[in-house]
């Protein structure tokens, strides 16, 4: 999920001229913080999937080498 898709889902609109998100209310600040948490979770999940893939590849190589 990229930033554009998140913006569409959450209904946040970036100001293209100023290239920033308006933070005039507590709700808008909370939305930006939520988007940031989503990006961090996404990055952590990618790292976990990479580690699982490496582990599975190593296991597969051991199995093939024993046969």
Protein backbone atom coordinates (compact mmCIF):
# COMPACT_ATOMS: atom_id res chain seq x y z
CA UNK A 1 0.00 0.00 0.00
CA UNK A 2 1.53 3.30 -1.00
CA UNK A 3 0.94 6.84 0.21
CA UNK A 4 -1.52 7.70 -2.54
CA UNK A 5 -3.73 4.71 -1.72
CA UNK A 6 -3.66 5.61 1.97
CA UNK A 7 -4.65 9.17 1.17
CA UNK A 8 -7.64 7.93 -0.82
CA UNK A 9 -8.74 5.51 1.91
CA UNK A 10 -8.31 7.96 4.79
CA UNK A 11 -9.63 10.96 2.87
CA UNK A 12 -6.60 13.13 3.58
CA UNK A 13 -5.59 15.68 0.99
CA UNK A 14 -2.09 17.00 0.57
CA UNK A 15 -1.58 20.64 -0.36
CA UNK A 16 0.44 20.27 -3.57
CA UNK A 17 1.59 23.89 -3.65
CA UNK A 18 3.03 23.82 -0.13
CA UNK A 19 3.88 20.10 -0.37
CA UNK A 20 2.72 19.38 3.16
CA UNK A 21 -0.31 18.17 5.08
CA UNK A 22 -2.31 20.78 6.99
CA UNK A 23 -2.12 20.27 10.76
CA UNK A 24 -4.67 22.79 11.93
CA UNK A 25 -6.72 20.40 14.06
CA UNK A 26 -6.06 17.58 16.48
CA UNK A 27 -7.91 15.18 14.16
CA UNK A 28 -5.54 15.93 11.26
CA UNK A 29 -2.51 15.37 13.47
CA UNK A 30 -3.96 12.03 14.61
CA UNK A 31 -4.53 11.00 10.96
CA UNK A 32 -0.92 11.77 10.04
CA UNK A 33 0.33 9.82 13.06
CA UNK A 34 -1.88 6.90 12.07
CA UNK A 35 -0.52 6.96 8.51
CA UNK A 36 3.01 6.95 9.89
CA UNK A 37 2.25 3.92 12.06
CA UNK A 38 0.82 2.12 9.02
CA UNK A 39 4.03 2.77 7.07
CA UNK A 40 6.15 1.50 9.98
CA UNK A 41 4.05 -1.65 10.32
CA UNK A 42 4.31 -2.24 6.58
CA UNK A 43 8.11 -1.92 6.71
CA UNK A 44 8.34 -4.32 9.68
CA UNK A 45 6.18 -6.86 7.84
CA UNK A 46 8.47 -6.66 4.80
CA UNK A 47 11.47 -7.36 7.03
CA UNK A 48 9.71 -10.36 8.64
CA UNK A 49 8.80 -11.77 5.23
CA UNK A 50 12.41 -11.39 4.07
CA UNK A 51 13.66 -13.23 7.14
CA UNK A 52 11.11 -16.03 6.62
CA UNK A 53 12.13 -16.33 2.98
CA UNK A 54 15.83 -16.54 3.91
CA UNK A 55 15.09 -19.14 6.59
CA UNK A 56 12.96 -21.22 4.22
CA UNK A 57 15.61 -21.04 1.51
CA UNK A 58 18.29 -22.21 3.95
CA UNK A 59 16.06 -25.08 5.11
CA UNK A 60 15.33 -26.08 1.52
CA UNK A 61 19.05 -26.11 0.66
CA UNK A 62 19.79 -28.32 3.68
CA UNK A 63 17.02 -30.74 2.69
CA UNK A 64 18.21 -30.90 -0.91
CA UNK A 65 21.84 -31.34 0.11
CA UNK A 66 20.94 -34.30 2.36
CA UNK A 67 19.11 -36.06 -0.45
